[in-house]
Amino acid sequence: MMNARFIARVRVITALCLICALVIIGKLYFLQVIHGDEYARRADAQSVELKNPLLNRGTIYFSGKDGTLLTAATLRDIGTTTEHQRYYPGGGLAAQTLGFVAYNNDNEQKGRYGLERYYEQTLARGGADSYSNFFVELFSGFAGAPTDGGEGDIITTIEPSVQSELERTLASYAASWHPALSGGIVMDPSNGEIVAIAVSPSFDLNRFNEQTNLGIFKNPQNESVYEMGSIMKPLTIAAGLDSGTITEASTYNDTGCITLEQKKICNFDAKARGVIPMQEILSQSLNVGSAYVATKMGPVVFREYFLNKYKFGVETGIDLPGEIHGLVQNLASPRQVEYATAAFGQGIALTPVGMVRALASLGNGGVLVTPHLVRAVKYDTGVTRTLSWGEGEQILKPETSTAVSRMLTAVVDTTLADGKLKMEHYSIAAKTGTAQIADPVNGGYYADRYLHSFFGYFPSFAPKFVVFLFAIEPTGASFSSQTWAMPFGALVKFLINYYNIPPDR
């Protein structure tokens, strides 16, 4: 009996020793092979005076459509020295979004602009003093889920081929229409994942120090606001439908121009249409019709949708530094004219990111999602944590989303660009916007300067993507439909083919 007990104890102890040995061997493989380069840098940090914190910094990855990770930002050796530099294999790809690493006022290299700055605490590695004890590091991977603030790599939602296509689209647009600035966003409206986001003009991240205009580093997608024009009209119609103020079958008498509190509001051509249905407000982009819906809703209901549901007065929470909220002070006014003009996208100014968030709710069943650029963090412990951005807030009834999608699909099928964007086997919901640009010196608006915007999603009733495009002061054409319709259509076809999206009609 004693021998049997002794043998059993020996076997248990032996098994425990084998398990511990396997754990240690596995961890050593993880430390020495998988993270060998990283620990070589840590050794450098022990033996040289640490003047360059880039002896060690996390990697930023793009995400291919099949889940493959492609390096967006990494470290590269400088000759035979022990120092390293930040290197961006894509050059200028997603430049304003990625940001870069540079010295700050404390003579330390840190993330400047973009994701490099926003995720500084995750990407940065300290010097020799910050490195953990070997046995703490050895077993840290088995301590459970990582905590916020841990060091690691970040995995973005940006798909590099889509990003490249969007940037090519903006470059082609710039060559044709010569805007002061243009930009675009491609987002999954169901969860807020941004697949591509770009600005033109841009710069090469590996040669950022050659730029003389420091303003080019700023990301206008979340750091600047604009009066967006007629792409606001679908949101006004949605508010009217959702609140019960109008129905799809409602009509109104379009007189071409109206006067509210001594301010004249006219359609783009000042022509009257007579008694017409709500559909024509979107199909013909009628300012008087949008003003009619806003006036019928009244200030209280209008504010409820624009401020509390679309949340134009607060930041979206996108993971980029420097985000600002929309300028919506006019919606605190008792004057009805302020709501009438806001209804067709003048008098309030929004960030492109804030605008695309609201527009996505029209196609995704009425949910306000959080736009974001990072899907997961791969920590140094070997654990990868998928970030949670929430399920979004239901701000419109699902039937409202369906109705507006139906109306916007009719716009594409019948009137937009004379029907050139209509696809036989795919439904597309879209709307153009042409806004006057405010004159900050003399007040009012410039007579010859415009913002051209365009948005659309597809397939209309279960959209895979929402696409938003804008340009500041394009030249050679008066209306957004003239400048953006064909580039938008080309992007839609690219996305359908690249993702092999099945037809819906």
Protein backbone atom coordinates (compact mmCIF):
# COMPACT_ATOMS: atom_id res chain seq x y z
CA MET A 1 0.00 0.00 0.00
CA MET A 2 2.84 2.39 0.94
CA ASN A 3 4.68 1.61 -2.28
CA ALA A 4 1.57 2.31 -4.33
CA ARG A 5 1.07 5.66 -2.61
CA PHE A 6 4.72 6.54 -3.06
CA ILE A 7 4.63 5.64 -6.74
CA ALA A 8 1.44 7.71 -7.22
CA ARG A 9 3.04 10.73 -5.55
CA VAL A 10 6.15 10.39 -7.70
CA ARG A 11 4.00 10.25 -10.81
CA VAL A 12 2.06 13.36 -9.79
CA ILE A 13 5.25 15.28 -9.01
CA THR A 14 6.82 14.11 -12.26
CA ALA A 15 3.75 15.22 -14.22
CA LEU A 16 3.81 18.63 -12.54
CA CYS A 17 7.50 19.01 -13.33
CA LEU A 18 6.88 18.09 -16.97
CA ILE A 19 4.04 20.60 -17.21
CA CYS A 20 6.21 23.35 -15.70
CA ALA A 21 9.03 22.44 -18.06
CA LEU A 22 6.73 22.60 -21.06
CA VAL A 23 5.40 25.98 -19.92
CA ILE A 24 8.93 27.34 -19.47
CA ILE A 25 10.09 25.95 -22.82
CA GLY A 26 7.05 27.41 -24.53
CA LYS A 27 7.57 30.78 -22.92
CA LEU A 28 11.26 30.77 -23.75
CA TYR A 29 10.39 30.04 -27.38
CA PHE A 30 7.93 32.92 -27.29
CA LEU A 31 10.53 35.27 -25.76
CA GLN A 32 13.61 34.24 -27.72
CA VAL A 33 12.19 33.37 -31.14
CA ILE A 34 8.95 35.24 -31.60
CA HIS A 35 10.12 38.34 -29.74
CA GLY A 36 13.85 37.87 -30.25
CA ASP A 37 14.37 41.14 -32.09
CA GLU A 38 12.52 43.02 -29.41
CA TYR A 39 14.73 41.66 -26.63
CA ALA A 40 17.85 42.39 -28.66
CA ARG A 41 16.74 46.01 -28.58
CA ARG A 42 16.20 45.73 -24.84
CA ALA A 43 19.77 44.49 -24.50
CA ASP A 44 20.90 47.53 -26.47
CA ALA A 45 18.99 49.71 -24.08
CA GLN A 46 20.90 48.16 -21.16
CA SER A 47 24.30 48.87 -22.69
CA VAL A 48 23.93 52.29 -24.30
CA GLU A 49 22.70 55.62 -23.06
CA LEU A 50 19.04 55.75 -24.04
CA LYS A 51 18.64 58.77 -26.28
CA ASN A 52 16.25 57.19 -28.73
CA PRO A 53 13.15 55.50 -27.30
CA LEU A 54 12.61 53.88 -30.68
CA LEU A 55 14.91 51.09 -29.60
CA ASN A 56 11.52 49.53 -29.01
CA ARG A 57 8.05 50.54 -30.23
CA GLY A 58 4.94 48.61 -31.18
CA THR A 59 3.91 47.89 -34.76
CA ILE A 60 0.81 49.23 -36.51
CA TYR A 61 -0.91 46.83 -38.90
CA PHE A 62 -3.37 47.21 -41.76
CA SER A 63 -5.94 44.42 -42.12
CA GLY A 64 -6.39 42.69 -45.47
CA LYS A 65 -9.92 41.66 -46.45
CA ASP A 66 -9.00 38.03 -45.64
CA GLY A 67 -7.67 38.94 -42.20
CA THR A 68 -4.00 39.04 -43.24
CA LEU A 69 -1.98 41.61 -41.29
CA LEU A 70 0.18 43.97 -43.33
CA THR A 71 2.70 46.27 -41.69
CA ALA A 72 1.77 49.94 -41.71
CA ALA A 73 4.40 51.23 -39.25
CA THR A 74 7.42 49.45 -37.81
CA LEU A 75 11.06 49.92 -36.78
CA ARG A 76 14.04 49.77 -39.12
CA ASP A 77 17.78 49.65 -38.30
CA ILE A 78 19.97 52.66 -39.15
CA GLY A 79 23.08 51.15 -40.61
CA THR A 80 25.22 49.40 -37.99
CA THR A 81 24.20 51.56 -35.04
CA THR A 82 22.05 50.42 -32.14
CA GLU A 83 19.39 53.00 -32.95
CA HIS A 84 16.27 52.48 -35.01
CA GLN A 85 13.93 54.69 -36.97
CA ARG A 86 10.20 54.56 -37.54
CA TYR A 87 9.47 53.23 -40.99
CA TYR A 88 6.23 53.26 -42.98
CA PRO A 89 6.28 50.66 -45.79
CA GLY A 90 3.33 52.31 -47.53
CA GLY A 91 5.05 55.69 -47.77
CA GLY A 92 2.16 58.12 -47.88
CA LEU A 93 -0.60 55.52 -47.51
CA ALA A 94 -3.09 56.74 -44.88
CA ALA A 95 -0.58 59.40 -43.83
CA GLN A 96 -2.87 61.73 -41.87
CA THR A 97 -4.48 58.74 -40.18
CA LEU A 98 -1.30 56.95 -39.12
CA GLY A 99 0.58 60.06 -38.05
CA PHE A 100 4.29 59.74 -37.31
CA VAL A 101 6.92 59.69 -34.56
CA ALA A 102 9.02 62.79 -33.92
CA TYR A 103 10.82 64.67 -31.15
CA ASN A 104 8.74 66.81 -28.82
CA ASN A 105 9.73 69.71 -26.60
CA ASP A 106 11.25 67.30 -24.04
CA ASN A 107 13.62 65.93 -26.70
CA GLU A 108 11.80 62.61 -26.65
CA GLN A 109 10.45 60.79 -29.67
CA LYS A 110 6.73 60.23 -29.34
CA GLY A 111 3.72 59.74 -31.53
CA ARG A 112 2.74 62.94 -33.29
CA TYR A 113 -0.62 63.09 -35.03
CA GLY A 114 -2.90 60.22 -35.95
CA LEU A 115 -2.87 56.74 -34.47
CA GLU A 116 0.78 57.08 -33.44
CA ARG A 117 -0.31 59.80 -31.03
CA TYR A 118 -3.70 58.43 -29.97
CA TYR A 119 -2.28 55.01 -29.06
CA GLU A 120 1.03 56.34 -27.70
CA GLN A 121 0.59 54.55 -24.36
CA THR A 122 0.11 51.23 -26.13
CA LEU A 123 2.80 51.59 -28.79
CA ALA A 124 5.52 53.17 -26.66
CA ARG A 125 8.08 51.04 -24.84
CA GLY A 126 10.15 52.47 -22.04
CA GLY A 127 13.86 52.22 -21.47
CA ALA A 128 15.86 49.70 -19.45
CA ASP A 129 14.15 50.61 -16.17
CA SER A 130 10.73 49.74 -17.51
CA TYR A 131 11.51 46.18 -18.49
CA SER A 132 9.95 43.59 -16.22
CA ASN A 133 11.61 40.85 -14.27
CA PHE A 134 12.18 37.73 -16.38
CA PHE A 135 9.90 35.50 -14.32
CA VAL A 136 7.16 38.11 -14.24
CA GLU A 137 7.38 38.29 -18.03
CA LEU A 138 7.65 34.52 -18.19
CA PHE A 139 4.27 33.89 -16.59
CA SER A 140 2.45 37.14 -17.44
CA GLY A 141 0.80 35.56 -20.47
CA PHE A 142 -1.24 33.32 -18.19
CA ALA A 143 -2.59 36.03 -15.89
CA GLY A 144 -5.84 36.54 -17.82
CA ALA A 145 -7.08 39.31 -20.05
CA PRO A 146 -4.70 42.23 -20.58
CA THR A 147 -5.49 45.53 -18.92
CA ASP A 148 -5.78 48.94 -20.54
CA GLY A 149 -2.46 50.71 -20.98
CA GLY A 150 -0.46 47.57 -21.73
CA GLU A 151 2.28 47.70 -24.33
CA GLY A 152 1.73 46.09 -27.70
CA ASP A 153 0.89 46.37 -31.39
CA ILE A 154 -2.33 47.74 -32.82
CA ILE A 155 -4.36 46.14 -35.60
CA THR A 156 -6.33 48.65 -37.62
CA THR A 157 -9.52 48.23 -39.65
CA ILE A 158 -7.91 49.87 -42.69
CA GLU A 159 -7.85 47.60 -45.75
CA PRO A 160 -4.76 48.67 -47.74
CA SER A 161 -6.14 47.94 -51.22
CA VAL A 162 -9.31 49.92 -50.51
CA GLN A 163 -7.21 52.68 -48.97
CA SER A 164 -5.05 52.79 -52.11
CA GLU A 165 -8.12 52.93 -54.34
CA LEU A 166 -9.64 55.77 -52.33
CA GLU A 167 -6.38 57.72 -52.52
CA ARG A 168 -6.19 57.15 -56.28
CA THR A 169 -9.76 58.42 -56.55
CA LEU A 170 -8.88 61.62 -54.68
CA ALA A 171 -5.73 62.12 -56.77
CA SER A 172 -7.73 61.77 -59.98
CA TYR A 173 -10.37 64.15 -58.67
CA ALA A 174 -7.70 66.71 -57.79
CA ALA A 175 -6.26 66.50 -61.30
CA SER A 176 -9.68 67.16 -62.82
CA TRP A 177 -11.24 69.72 -60.46
CA HIS A 178 -8.29 71.27 -58.55
CA PRO A 179 -9.91 71.60 -55.10
CA ALA A 180 -8.11 73.22 -52.19
CA LEU A 181 -8.77 70.01 -50.25
CA SER A 182 -10.62 66.75 -50.75
CA GLY A 183 -11.28 63.71 -48.63
CA GLY A 184 -13.16 60.44 -48.40
CA ILE A 185 -14.30 57.77 -45.95
CA VAL A 186 -15.36 54.17 -46.59
CA MET A 187 -17.01 52.64 -43.52
CA ASP A 188 -18.95 49.53 -42.58
CA PRO A 189 -22.24 51.08 -41.38
CA SER A 190 -23.14 48.05 -39.29
CA ASN A 191 -20.30 48.47 -36.78
CA GLY A 192 -18.40 51.70 -37.56
CA GLU A 193 -15.22 50.03 -38.83
CA ILE A 194 -13.45 52.48 -41.16
CA VAL A 195 -12.03 50.52 -44.08
CA ALA A 196 -10.42 53.55 -45.75
CA ILE A 197 -10.03 57.22 -44.88
CA ALA A 198 -7.96 59.65 -46.92
CA VAL A 199 -7.15 63.31 -47.49
CA SER A 200 -5.65 65.08 -50.49
CA PRO A 201 -3.11 66.66 -50.58
CA SER A 202 -1.08 64.27 -48.47
CA PHE A 203 2.61 63.53 -47.78
CA ASP A 204 5.20 60.76 -47.45
CA LEU A 205 5.44 59.59 -43.84
CA ASN A 206 9.09 58.59 -44.32
CA ARG A 207 9.94 62.15 -45.43
CA PHE A 208 7.60 64.22 -43.29
CA ASN A 209 10.46 66.49 -42.23
CA GLU A 210 10.64 67.86 -45.78
CA GLN A 211 7.19 69.44 -45.47
CA THR A 212 7.13 73.22 -45.17
CA ASN A 213 3.38 73.48 -44.67
CA LEU A 214 2.76 71.94 -41.25
CA GLY A 215 -0.98 72.21 -41.78
CA ILE A 216 -0.80 69.19 -44.06
CA PHE A 217 -0.27 66.97 -40.99
CA LYS A 218 -3.70 67.92 -39.62
CA ASN A 219 -6.56 65.54 -40.29
CA PRO A 220 -9.61 67.52 -41.43
CA GLN A 221 -11.78 64.42 -41.19
CA ASN A 222 -12.12 64.93 -37.43
CA GLU A 223 -10.35 68.23 -36.76
CA SER A 224 -12.25 70.57 -39.11
CA VAL A 225 -15.93 71.38 -39.62
CA TYR A 226 -17.81 72.29 -42.78
CA GLU A 227 -21.31 73.25 -43.85
CA MET A 228 -22.23 70.08 -45.74
CA GLY A 229 -25.12 71.17 -47.96
CA SER A 230 -27.83 68.93 -49.39
CA ILE A 231 -26.55 65.61 -48.06
CA MET A 232 -28.29 66.87 -44.90
CA LYS A 233 -31.70 66.58 -46.58
CA PRO A 234 -32.06 62.79 -46.12
CA LEU A 235 -31.47 63.28 -42.38
CA THR A 236 -34.17 65.97 -42.32
CA ILE A 237 -36.60 63.70 -44.17
CA ALA A 238 -35.72 60.84 -41.78
CA ALA A 239 -36.47 63.05 -38.77
CA GLY A 240 -39.78 64.08 -40.31
CA LEU A 241 -40.78 60.48 -41.04
CA ASP A 242 -39.56 59.13 -37.69
CA SER A 243 -41.40 61.78 -35.67
CA GLY A 244 -44.62 61.26 -37.60
CA THR A 245 -44.53 64.80 -38.97
CA ILE A 246 -44.70 63.54 -42.56
CA THR A 247 -45.15 60.29 -44.43
CA GLU A 248 -43.74 59.16 -47.75
CA ALA A 249 -47.11 60.00 -49.29
CA SER A 250 -47.21 63.56 -47.89
CA THR A 251 -47.22 66.49 -50.30
CA TYR A 252 -46.48 70.22 -50.08
CA ASN A 253 -46.80 73.22 -52.34
CA ASP A 254 -43.35 74.19 -53.61
CA THR A 255 -43.34 77.91 -54.46
CA GLY A 256 -39.69 78.12 -55.48
CA CYS A 257 -38.83 80.65 -52.75
CA ILE A 258 -40.09 81.44 -49.26
CA THR A 259 -39.26 84.20 -46.78
CA LEU A 260 -38.69 83.43 -43.11
CA GLU A 261 -37.93 86.29 -40.71
CA GLN A 262 -36.90 88.54 -43.59
CA LYS A 263 -34.52 85.95 -45.07
CA LYS A 264 -35.30 84.60 -48.51
CA ILE A 265 -34.81 80.86 -49.05
CA CYS A 266 -34.93 79.50 -52.60
CA ASN A 267 -34.43 76.28 -54.51
CA PHE A 268 -31.16 76.09 -56.42
CA ASP A 269 -32.96 77.41 -59.52
CA ALA A 270 -35.60 79.48 -57.68
CA LYS A 271 -38.32 77.68 -59.67
CA ALA A 272 -41.64 76.55 -58.22
CA ARG A 273 -42.73 72.92 -58.59
CA GLY A 274 -46.30 73.21 -57.33
CA VAL A 275 -47.85 70.44 -55.24
CA ILE A 276 -45.37 67.54 -55.12
CA PRO A 277 -44.56 64.53 -52.87
CA MET A 278 -41.72 64.21 -50.36
CA GLN A 279 -39.70 62.12 -52.81
CA GLU A 280 -39.07 65.18 -54.96
CA ILE A 281 -37.32 66.97 -52.09
CA LEU A 282 -34.54 64.37 -52.46
CA SER A 283 -34.82 63.68 -56.17
CA GLN A 284 -34.67 67.38 -57.13
CA SER A 285 -32.74 68.50 -54.02
CA LEU A 286 -35.23 71.21 -53.05
CA ASN A 287 -34.31 73.68 -50.31
CA VAL A 288 -37.88 74.91 -49.97
CA GLY A 289 -39.08 71.36 -49.35
CA SER A 290 -36.47 70.75 -46.65
CA ALA A 291 -37.41 74.05 -45.01
CA TYR A 292 -41.07 72.99 -45.12
CA VAL A 293 -40.33 69.74 -43.25
CA ALA A 294 -38.23 71.56 -40.65
CA THR A 295 -40.91 74.18 -40.08
CA LYS A 296 -43.62 71.53 -39.78
CA MET A 297 -41.51 69.64 -37.19
CA GLY A 298 -40.86 72.78 -35.16
CA PRO A 299 -37.69 73.70 -33.22
CA VAL A 300 -38.21 71.26 -30.32
CA VAL A 301 -38.55 68.17 -32.50
CA PHE A 302 -35.83 69.36 -34.90
CA ARG A 303 -33.38 69.84 -32.03
CA GLU A 304 -34.28 66.43 -30.61
CA TYR A 305 -33.12 64.72 -33.79
CA PHE A 306 -30.18 66.88 -34.77
CA LEU A 307 -28.71 67.28 -31.28
CA ASN A 308 -29.87 64.30 -29.20
CA LYS A 309 -30.18 61.60 -31.85
CA TYR A 310 -27.69 62.48 -34.62
CA LYS A 311 -25.52 64.05 -31.87
CA PHE A 312 -24.10 66.76 -34.09
CA GLY A 313 -23.07 68.81 -31.06
CA VAL A 314 -20.69 66.22 -29.54
CA GLU A 315 -17.64 64.27 -30.66
CA THR A 316 -18.10 60.83 -32.22
CA GLY A 317 -15.44 59.18 -30.05
CA ILE A 318 -13.32 58.12 -33.02
CA ASP A 319 -9.84 56.95 -32.02
CA LEU A 320 -7.98 59.88 -33.53
CA PRO A 321 -6.51 62.83 -31.61
CA GLY A 322 -7.88 66.34 -31.77
CA GLU A 323 -11.50 65.56 -32.60
CA ILE A 324 -13.86 68.53 -32.36
CA HIS A 325 -17.64 68.63 -32.24
CA GLY A 326 -19.95 70.25 -34.72
CA LEU A 327 -20.80 73.95 -34.58
CA VAL A 328 -24.54 73.93 -33.95
CA GLN A 329 -25.12 77.13 -31.96
CA ASN A 330 -27.77 78.21 -34.45
CA LEU A 331 -30.01 75.45 -33.17
CA ALA A 332 -30.31 77.28 -29.85
CA SER A 333 -32.00 80.20 -31.63
CA PRO A 334 -35.74 80.84 -31.44
CA ARG A 335 -35.71 81.94 -35.10
CA GLN A 336 -37.31 79.43 -37.45
CA VAL A 337 -35.02 80.45 -40.28
CA GLU A 338 -32.05 78.82 -38.51
CA TYR A 339 -33.79 75.44 -38.53
CA ALA A 340 -34.94 75.87 -42.12
CA THR A 341 -31.38 76.48 -43.35
CA ALA A 342 -29.92 73.72 -41.17
CA ALA A 343 -32.43 71.36 -42.80
CA PHE A 344 -30.57 71.69 -46.10
CA GLY A 345 -27.07 71.79 -44.64
CA GLN A 346 -26.28 75.49 -44.19
CA GLY A 347 -25.76 77.37 -40.94
CA ILE A 348 -24.38 74.40 -38.97
CA ALA A 349 -20.92 72.92 -39.53
CA LEU A 350 -19.86 69.32 -38.92
CA THR A 351 -16.78 67.14 -39.17
CA PRO A 352 -16.78 64.60 -42.01
CA VAL A 353 -16.58 61.82 -39.41
CA GLY A 354 -19.58 63.23 -37.55
CA MET A 355 -21.50 63.47 -40.79
CA VAL A 356 -20.78 59.94 -41.99
CA ARG A 357 -21.77 58.55 -38.57
CA ALA A 358 -25.21 60.13 -38.86
CA LEU A 359 -25.63 59.16 -42.52
CA ALA A 360 -24.80 55.53 -41.75
CA SER A 361 -27.89 55.34 -39.53
CA LEU A 362 -30.07 55.82 -42.61
CA GLY A 363 -28.92 52.50 -44.04
CA ASN A 364 -28.16 50.31 -41.03
CA GLY A 365 -31.61 50.16 -39.51
CA GLY A 366 -31.40 53.43 -37.60
CA VAL A 367 -28.40 52.77 -35.33
CA LEU A 368 -25.77 55.38 -34.42
CA VAL A 369 -22.45 53.51 -34.38
CA THR A 370 -19.01 54.69 -33.25
CA PRO A 371 -16.57 55.22 -36.15
CA HIS A 372 -13.21 53.65 -35.29
CA LEU A 373 -9.87 52.64 -36.79
CA VAL A 374 -8.43 50.00 -34.45
CA ARG A 375 -9.92 46.53 -34.23
CA ALA A 376 -7.58 44.87 -31.75
CA VAL A 377 -4.44 45.23 -29.65
CA LYS A 378 -1.81 42.50 -29.69
CA TYR A 379 -0.09 42.73 -26.32
CA ASP A 380 3.48 41.77 -25.55
CA THR A 381 2.19 38.90 -23.42
CA GLY A 382 1.03 37.20 -26.61
CA VAL A 383 -2.64 37.89 -25.92
CA THR A 384 -4.67 39.67 -28.61
CA ARG A 385 -7.70 41.57 -27.37
CA THR A 386 -10.48 42.63 -29.73
CA LEU A 387 -11.64 46.10 -28.76
CA SER A 388 -15.30 46.69 -28.01
CA TRP A 389 -16.89 49.77 -29.55
CA GLY A 390 -20.41 49.05 -28.38
CA GLU A 391 -23.48 48.01 -30.31
CA GLY A 392 -24.60 51.55 -31.09
CA GLU A 393 -27.70 53.48 -30.11
CA GLN A 394 -31.06 53.02 -31.82
CA ILE A 395 -31.94 56.57 -32.91
CA LEU A 396 -34.41 55.93 -35.74
CA LYS A 397 -37.11 53.31 -36.17
CA PRO A 398 -36.03 50.49 -38.51
CA GLU A 399 -38.99 51.32 -40.75
CA THR A 400 -37.68 54.90 -41.05
CA SER A 401 -34.33 53.58 -42.25
CA THR A 402 -36.09 51.39 -44.81
CA ALA A 403 -38.27 54.27 -46.06
CA VAL A 404 -35.35 56.69 -46.51
CA SER A 405 -33.28 53.98 -48.19
CA ARG A 406 -36.15 53.40 -50.59
CA MET A 407 -36.34 57.12 -51.36
CA LEU A 408 -32.57 57.46 -51.86
CA THR A 409 -32.54 54.41 -54.13
CA ALA A 410 -35.17 56.12 -56.26
CA VAL A 411 -32.86 59.14 -56.48
CA VAL A 412 -30.09 56.99 -57.97
CA ASP A 413 -32.40 55.01 -60.23
CA THR A 414 -34.24 57.97 -61.73
CA THR A 415 -32.48 61.33 -61.47
CA LEU A 416 -28.94 61.35 -60.09
CA ALA A 417 -26.42 61.92 -62.90
CA ASP A 418 -29.27 61.27 -65.34
CA GLY A 419 -29.48 57.67 -64.16
CA LYS A 420 -25.84 56.85 -65.00
CA LEU A 421 -25.16 55.44 -61.51
CA LYS A 422 -28.04 52.97 -61.62
CA MET A 423 -26.89 49.33 -61.63
CA GLU A 424 -29.07 46.56 -62.96
CA HIS A 425 -28.30 44.02 -60.25
CA TYR A 426 -27.37 46.23 -57.28
CA SER A 427 -29.42 48.81 -55.41
CA ILE A 428 -27.59 52.00 -54.41
CA ALA A 429 -28.86 54.77 -52.13
CA ALA A 430 -27.13 58.12 -52.60
CA LYS A 431 -27.39 61.91 -52.43
CA THR A 432 -25.26 64.87 -53.53
CA GLY A 433 -24.56 68.09 -51.66
CA THR A 434 -23.46 71.54 -52.83
CA ALA A 435 -22.93 74.09 -50.06
CA GLN A 436 -21.94 77.73 -50.08
CA ILE A 437 -18.75 78.47 -48.16
CA ALA A 438 -18.95 81.08 -45.41
CA ASP A 439 -16.90 84.28 -45.72
CA PRO A 440 -15.21 84.68 -42.31
CA VAL A 441 -14.08 88.27 -43.06
CA ASN A 442 -17.11 89.97 -44.54
CA GLY A 443 -19.82 87.67 -43.24
CA GLY A 444 -22.36 85.85 -45.35
CA TYR A 445 -21.17 83.48 -48.07
CA TYR A 446 -18.81 83.67 -51.01
CA ALA A 447 -20.62 83.92 -54.31
CA ASP A 448 -18.22 81.64 -56.16
CA ARG A 449 -16.84 79.16 -53.62
CA TYR A 450 -18.54 75.86 -52.81
CA LEU A 451 -18.14 72.60 -50.94
CA HIS A 452 -19.11 69.55 -52.98
CA SER A 453 -20.15 66.48 -50.97
CA PHE A 454 -21.51 63.08 -51.88
CA PHE A 455 -22.57 60.03 -49.90
CA GLY A 456 -24.10 56.68 -50.68
CA TYR A 457 -24.46 53.13 -49.36
CA PHE A 458 -25.06 49.77 -50.98
CA PRO A 459 -26.79 47.42 -51.27
CA SER A 460 -29.51 49.84 -50.22
CA PHE A 461 -31.36 47.64 -47.70
CA ALA A 462 -28.44 45.70 -46.21
CA PRO A 463 -25.43 47.92 -46.89
CA LYS A 464 -21.90 46.58 -46.72
CA PHE A 465 -20.35 50.03 -47.05
CA VAL A 466 -21.20 53.70 -46.76
CA VAL A 467 -19.01 56.00 -48.87
CA PHE A 468 -18.60 59.69 -48.09
CA LEU A 469 -16.70 62.14 -50.33
CA PHE A 470 -16.12 65.89 -50.09
CA ALA A 471 -14.09 68.63 -51.74
CA ILE A 472 -13.43 72.26 -50.79
CA GLU A 473 -13.59 74.81 -53.61
CA PRO A 474 -13.41 72.58 -56.70
CA THR A 475 -13.25 74.57 -59.91
CA GLY A 476 -14.87 74.11 -63.28
CA ALA A 477 -18.30 72.81 -62.19
CA SER A 478 -21.12 74.25 -60.10
CA PHE A 479 -22.70 71.14 -58.63
CA SER A 480 -21.51 68.08 -56.76
CA SER A 481 -23.33 65.76 -59.14
CA GLN A 482 -21.00 66.99 -61.88
CA THR A 483 -17.78 66.32 -59.97
CA TRP A 484 -18.42 63.40 -57.60
CA ALA A 485 -21.01 61.14 -59.28
CA MET A 486 -18.59 59.25 -61.54
CA PRO A 487 -15.79 58.85 -58.92
CA PHE A 488 -18.40 57.54 -56.47
CA GLY A 489 -19.73 55.10 -59.06
CA ALA A 490 -16.22 53.83 -59.79
CA LEU A 491 -15.57 53.27 -56.07
CA VAL A 492 -18.82 51.35 -55.71
CA LYS A 493 -17.89 49.05 -58.60
CA PHE A 494 -14.41 48.51 -57.15
CA LEU A 495 -15.83 47.54 -53.75
CA ILE A 496 -18.44 45.23 -55.26
CA ASN A 497 -15.80 43.40 -57.30
CA TYR A 498 -13.06 43.40 -54.65
CA TYR A 499 -15.33 41.99 -51.93
CA ASN A 500 -17.40 39.88 -54.33
CA ILE A 501 -20.62 41.34 -52.95
CA PRO A 502 -23.61 39.34 -54.21
CA PRO A 503 -26.32 41.16 -56.19
CA ASP A 504 -29.53 42.10 -54.40
CA ARG A 505 -31.85 42.62 -57.35
